[in-house]
Amino acid sequence: MLEVRNLSKSYRSIPAIQNVSFQVEAGEIVGYLGANGSGKSTTVKIVTGLLRPSEGKVFFHGEDIRNDLPLYRKSLGYIPEEAHLYTYMSGVEYLQLVGRLRGMSERIISVKANHMLQLLGLESWRYSPMSLYSKGMRQRVLMAAALMHNPDLLIFDEPLSGLDILSARLFKDLLQQLAANGKAILYISHVLEIVEHLCNRVLVISKGRILADASPAQLARTMQRANLEKAFAQLVDQQDTASIARELIETVQECDE
């Protein structure tokens, strides 16, 4: 369904990503993992059509997304890492705006917006300006906005940020239901325990290049590690965090002597 083919992007001759290729099929949840600065955000911006690659293309159902970006975006739902919203709007007003931009009818917009806000525990807040919402509440509005037009492809960038325990559990159940209904999902997260539990496959990117594309269990076996977190740390040459933590404590204690 989604095919990313040989993507490269450079900023002032400095490569951010190089020859990145992968696919996400209908019904798949694919985790996209990498440290800060690894190239995840650049990839997502290109896949969502917000950024042009220096080289390579993104295909959706076999068509280059650049041939008709408005049409492609009608099939795309996206939750960005930061909840950038028009905070002077209420939750229902924002969902109405999103629905209109997607070409939905007013009747369907009204029904969906109100029902989704109710299901997400925001019914009593639906007419209040989002400037009064907590971070988790804004994240739930973004969740509703991403699903309003029933897209075939969903891209979630750290979607659990700011969510409380119950909302996070709801989102995880929702993710599995969406995949069961044939949605293709690209899931970006630093919470590897959740990625390991939810994702069919994981892509690991480091310094702009894809290092691995496998199921979490297969990756852990290949790297001869107990779990995805340890396999990921080995792949990206992560520093020995336990040693660093000990040295930090020793430094603090020395300063007190």
Protein backbone atom coordinates (compact mmCIF):
# COMPACT_ATOMS: atom_id res chain seq x y z
CA MET A 1 0.00 0.00 0.00
CA LEU A 2 2.68 2.51 1.08
CA GLU A 3 6.08 2.18 -0.58
CA VAL A 4 9.04 4.37 0.30
CA ARG A 5 11.67 3.97 -2.39
CA ASN A 6 15.30 5.12 -2.11
CA LEU A 7 14.58 8.33 -0.22
CA SER A 8 17.46 10.70 0.43
CA LYS A 9 17.36 14.20 1.86
CA SER A 10 20.20 16.60 2.53
CA TYR A 11 20.28 19.97 4.26
CA ARG A 12 23.13 22.20 3.00
CA SER A 13 24.91 19.12 1.64
CA ILE A 14 24.60 17.32 4.98
CA PRO A 15 22.60 14.07 4.55
CA ALA A 16 19.65 13.59 6.90
CA ILE A 17 18.52 10.30 5.34
CA GLN A 18 20.16 8.13 2.68
CA ASN A 19 18.53 5.48 0.46
CA VAL A 20 15.67 4.80 2.85
CA SER A 21 13.29 2.16 1.49
CA PHE A 22 10.45 0.22 3.10
CA GLN A 23 6.82 -0.83 2.64
CA VAL A 24 3.75 -0.80 4.88
CA GLU A 25 0.95 -3.12 3.78
CA ALA A 26 -2.75 -3.01 4.64
CA GLY A 27 -3.34 -4.49 8.10
CA GLU A 28 0.26 -3.97 9.20
CA ILE A 29 1.57 -1.96 12.14
CA VAL A 30 5.17 -1.07 11.36
CA GLY A 31 7.32 0.52 14.06
CA TYR A 32 9.87 3.13 13.01
CA LEU A 33 12.63 3.39 15.58
CA GLY A 34 15.68 5.57 15.94
CA ALA A 35 17.49 7.88 18.32
CA ASN A 36 17.02 11.65 18.16
CA GLY A 37 18.59 12.96 14.97
CA SER A 38 18.52 9.57 13.24
CA GLY A 39 16.26 10.69 10.38
CA LYS A 40 12.81 9.66 11.60
CA SER A 41 11.27 13.14 11.44
CA THR A 42 12.70 13.82 7.98
CA THR A 43 11.23 10.54 6.73
CA VAL A 44 7.82 11.32 8.21
CA LYS A 45 7.77 14.82 6.71
CA ILE A 46 8.48 13.38 3.28
CA VAL A 47 5.92 10.57 3.62
CA THR A 48 3.22 13.05 4.70
CA GLY A 49 4.03 15.31 1.76
CA LEU A 50 5.33 18.18 3.90
CA LEU A 51 8.86 17.94 2.53
CA ARG A 52 10.35 17.12 -0.86
CA PRO A 53 13.09 14.50 -0.95
CA SER A 54 16.41 15.23 -2.60
CA GLU A 55 16.12 11.82 -4.25
CA GLY A 56 13.64 8.95 -4.24
CA LYS A 57 9.86 8.73 -4.23
CA VAL A 58 6.90 7.76 -2.06
CA PHE A 59 4.16 5.63 -3.63
CA PHE A 60 0.64 4.98 -2.34
CA HIS A 61 -1.35 2.26 -4.08
CA GLY A 62 1.34 2.33 -6.75
CA GLU A 63 1.00 6.06 -7.49
CA ASP A 64 3.62 8.72 -6.78
CA ILE A 65 2.08 10.85 -4.01
CA ARG A 66 3.51 13.98 -5.63
CA ASN A 67 1.26 13.47 -8.65
CA ASP A 68 -1.79 14.47 -6.59
CA LEU A 69 -1.00 15.44 -2.99
CA PRO A 70 -4.56 16.61 -2.11
CA LEU A 71 -5.96 13.23 -3.17
CA TYR A 72 -3.26 11.37 -1.23
CA ARG A 73 -3.94 13.38 1.92
CA LYS A 74 -7.60 12.34 1.80
CA SER A 75 -6.36 8.80 2.46
CA LEU A 76 -3.87 9.83 5.15
CA GLY A 77 -4.39 10.29 8.89
CA TYR A 78 -1.54 11.81 10.87
CA ILE A 79 -0.88 12.46 14.56
CA PRO A 80 2.27 14.63 14.86
CA GLU A 81 4.58 14.48 17.85
CA GLU A 82 3.61 17.98 18.99
CA ALA A 83 -0.04 18.94 19.27
CA HIS A 84 0.01 22.14 17.20
CA LEU A 85 -3.63 23.21 17.21
CA TYR A 86 -5.63 26.39 16.75
CA THR A 87 -6.15 26.75 20.48
CA TYR A 88 -8.71 29.54 20.14
CA MET A 89 -11.01 26.92 18.57
CA SER A 90 -13.08 24.45 20.53
CA GLY A 91 -12.60 20.73 20.03
CA VAL A 92 -15.73 20.43 17.91
CA GLU A 93 -14.79 23.46 15.80
CA TYR A 94 -11.38 21.97 15.06
CA LEU A 95 -12.89 18.64 13.97
CA GLN A 96 -15.39 20.52 11.80
CA LEU A 97 -12.50 22.32 10.12
CA VAL A 98 -10.65 19.05 9.51
CA GLY A 99 -13.79 17.42 8.09
CA ARG A 100 -14.39 20.32 5.69
CA LEU A 101 -10.78 20.27 4.51
CA ARG A 102 -11.26 16.56 3.75
CA GLY A 103 -14.41 17.28 1.71
CA MET A 104 -16.84 15.57 4.10
CA SER A 105 -20.51 16.54 4.22
CA GLU A 106 -21.70 18.77 7.09
CA ARG A 107 -24.11 16.11 8.36
CA ILE A 108 -21.40 13.44 8.61
CA ILE A 109 -18.96 15.92 10.14
CA SER A 110 -21.42 16.82 12.89
CA VAL A 111 -22.29 13.21 13.71
CA LYS A 112 -18.69 12.00 13.71
CA ALA A 113 -17.21 14.96 15.59
CA ASN A 114 -19.70 14.83 18.45
CA HIS A 115 -19.67 11.06 18.77
CA MET A 116 -15.88 10.82 18.74
CA LEU A 117 -15.48 13.56 21.34
CA GLN A 118 -17.98 11.72 23.51
CA LEU A 119 -16.09 8.42 23.15
CA LEU A 120 -12.82 10.16 23.98
CA GLY A 121 -14.19 11.70 27.18
CA LEU A 122 -14.29 15.25 25.81
CA GLU A 123 -18.03 15.76 25.46
CA SER A 124 -18.28 18.28 28.30
CA TRP A 125 -15.32 20.21 26.85
CA ARG A 126 -16.36 20.17 23.20
CA TYR A 127 -17.37 23.87 23.10
CA SER A 128 -14.48 25.10 25.27
CA PRO A 129 -11.40 26.65 23.61
CA MET A 130 -8.53 24.19 23.35
CA SER A 131 -6.30 26.68 25.16
CA LEU A 132 -7.98 25.28 28.28
CA TYR A 133 -7.27 21.66 27.37
CA SER A 134 -4.46 19.64 28.93
CA LYS A 135 -1.78 18.13 26.69
CA GLY A 136 -3.51 14.76 26.87
CA MET A 137 -6.86 16.26 25.89
CA ARG A 138 -5.29 17.97 22.88
CA GLN A 139 -3.69 14.67 21.92
CA ARG A 140 -7.14 13.04 21.98
CA VAL A 141 -8.47 15.77 19.68
CA LEU A 142 -5.61 15.02 17.28
CA MET A 143 -6.53 11.34 17.47
CA ALA A 144 -10.10 12.14 16.46
CA ALA A 145 -8.90 14.46 13.68
CA ALA A 146 -6.66 11.75 12.24
CA LEU A 147 -9.57 9.32 12.05
CA MET A 148 -12.38 11.70 10.96
CA HIS A 149 -12.21 10.84 7.25
CA ASN A 150 -11.63 7.08 7.69
CA PRO A 151 -8.15 7.07 6.08
CA ASP A 152 -6.44 3.94 4.74
CA LEU A 153 -2.98 5.02 5.91
CA LEU A 154 -2.19 6.27 9.41
CA ILE A 155 1.07 7.77 10.65
CA PHE A 156 1.41 8.15 14.40
CA ASP A 157 4.43 10.06 15.74
CA GLU A 158 4.79 9.54 19.51
CA PRO A 159 0.98 9.42 19.87
CA LEU A 160 1.02 8.43 23.56
CA SER A 161 2.74 11.67 24.59
CA GLY A 162 0.64 13.35 27.29
CA LEU A 163 -1.97 10.60 27.50
CA ASP A 164 -2.98 9.22 30.88
CA ILE A 165 -2.99 5.47 31.58
CA LEU A 166 -6.59 4.87 30.46
CA SER A 167 -6.23 6.96 27.29
CA ALA A 168 -2.99 5.18 26.42
CA ARG A 169 -4.70 1.81 26.86
CA LEU A 170 -7.56 2.98 24.64
CA PHE A 171 -5.10 4.06 21.96
CA LYS A 172 -3.29 0.71 22.00
CA ASP A 173 -6.59 -1.15 21.62
CA LEU A 174 -7.60 1.28 18.87
CA LEU A 175 -4.35 0.64 16.99
CA GLN A 176 -5.00 -3.10 16.93
CA GLN A 177 -8.61 -2.59 15.80
CA LEU A 178 -7.49 -0.27 12.99
CA ALA A 179 -5.00 -2.86 11.74
CA ALA A 180 -7.65 -5.58 11.96
CA ASN A 181 -9.82 -3.37 9.73
CA GLY A 182 -7.14 -3.24 7.06
CA LYS A 183 -5.47 0.09 7.84
CA ALA A 184 -1.76 0.49 7.13
CA ILE A 185 -0.02 2.04 10.15
CA LEU A 186 3.43 3.57 10.53
CA TYR A 187 4.12 3.96 14.24
CA ILE A 188 6.98 6.12 15.54
CA SER A 189 7.78 5.72 19.23
CA HIS A 190 10.59 5.63 21.79
CA VAL A 191 8.55 3.31 24.05
CA LEU A 192 10.03 0.04 22.86
CA GLU A 193 7.96 -2.18 25.15
CA ILE A 194 4.81 -0.97 23.38
CA VAL A 195 6.39 -1.27 19.94
CA GLU A 196 7.43 -4.83 20.76
CA HIS A 197 3.88 -5.69 21.82
CA LEU A 198 1.96 -3.96 19.01
CA CYS A 199 4.07 -3.94 15.85
CA ASN A 200 4.23 -6.68 13.22
CA ARG A 201 7.58 -5.33 12.00
CA VAL A 202 10.10 -2.75 13.12
CA LEU A 203 12.41 -0.57 11.06
CA VAL A 204 15.53 0.72 12.79
CA ILE A 205 17.16 3.85 11.40
CA SER A 206 20.48 5.29 12.51
CA LYS A 207 22.46 8.17 11.01
CA GLY A 208 19.99 8.37 8.17
CA ARG A 209 20.17 4.73 7.08
CA ILE A 210 17.88 1.77 7.67
CA LEU A 211 19.78 -0.86 9.69
CA ALA A 212 17.04 -3.44 10.19
CA ASP A 213 13.60 -4.46 8.95
CA ALA A 214 12.17 -7.45 10.82
CA SER A 215 9.61 -8.54 13.38
CA PRO A 216 10.53 -7.59 16.97
CA ALA A 217 11.05 -11.25 17.91
CA GLN A 218 13.14 -11.98 14.82
CA LEU A 219 15.31 -8.91 15.41
CA ALA A 220 15.95 -9.91 19.03
CA ARG A 221 16.87 -13.47 17.93
CA THR A 222 19.17 -12.25 15.15
CA MET A 223 20.98 -9.89 17.53
CA GLN A 224 20.99 -12.61 20.22
CA ARG A 225 19.36 -10.30 22.72
CA ALA A 226 16.55 -10.91 25.21
CA ASN A 227 14.20 -8.25 23.86
CA LEU A 228 13.74 -5.46 21.33
CA GLU A 229 15.19 -2.77 23.59
CA LYS A 230 18.51 -4.58 23.94
CA ALA A 231 18.63 -5.45 20.24
CA PHE A 232 17.96 -1.81 19.35
CA ALA A 233 20.70 -0.59 21.71
CA GLN A 234 23.22 -2.92 20.06
CA LEU A 235 22.19 -1.94 16.53
CA VAL A 236 22.61 1.79 17.10
CA ASP A 237 25.74 1.42 19.26
CA GLN A 238 24.00 2.95 22.24
CA GLN A 239 26.28 3.94 25.08
CA ASP A 240 26.33 1.91 28.28
CA THR A 241 23.61 3.88 30.08
CA ALA A 242 24.13 2.03 33.37
CA SER A 243 27.79 3.09 33.46
CA ILE A 244 26.87 6.68 32.62
CA ALA A 245 24.26 6.69 35.41
CA ARG A 246 26.86 5.41 37.92
CA GLU A 247 29.34 8.08 36.85
CA LEU A 248 26.71 10.79 37.21
CA ILE A 249 25.97 9.66 40.77
CA GLU A 250 29.70 9.55 41.57
CA THR A 251 30.11 13.07 40.18
CA VAL A 252 27.25 14.37 42.29
CA GLN A 253 28.64 12.74 45.41
CA GLU A 254 32.12 14.11 44.76
CA CYS A 255 30.76 17.64 44.60
CA ASP A 256 29.19 17.18 48.03
CA GLU A 257 32.44 16.09 49.70
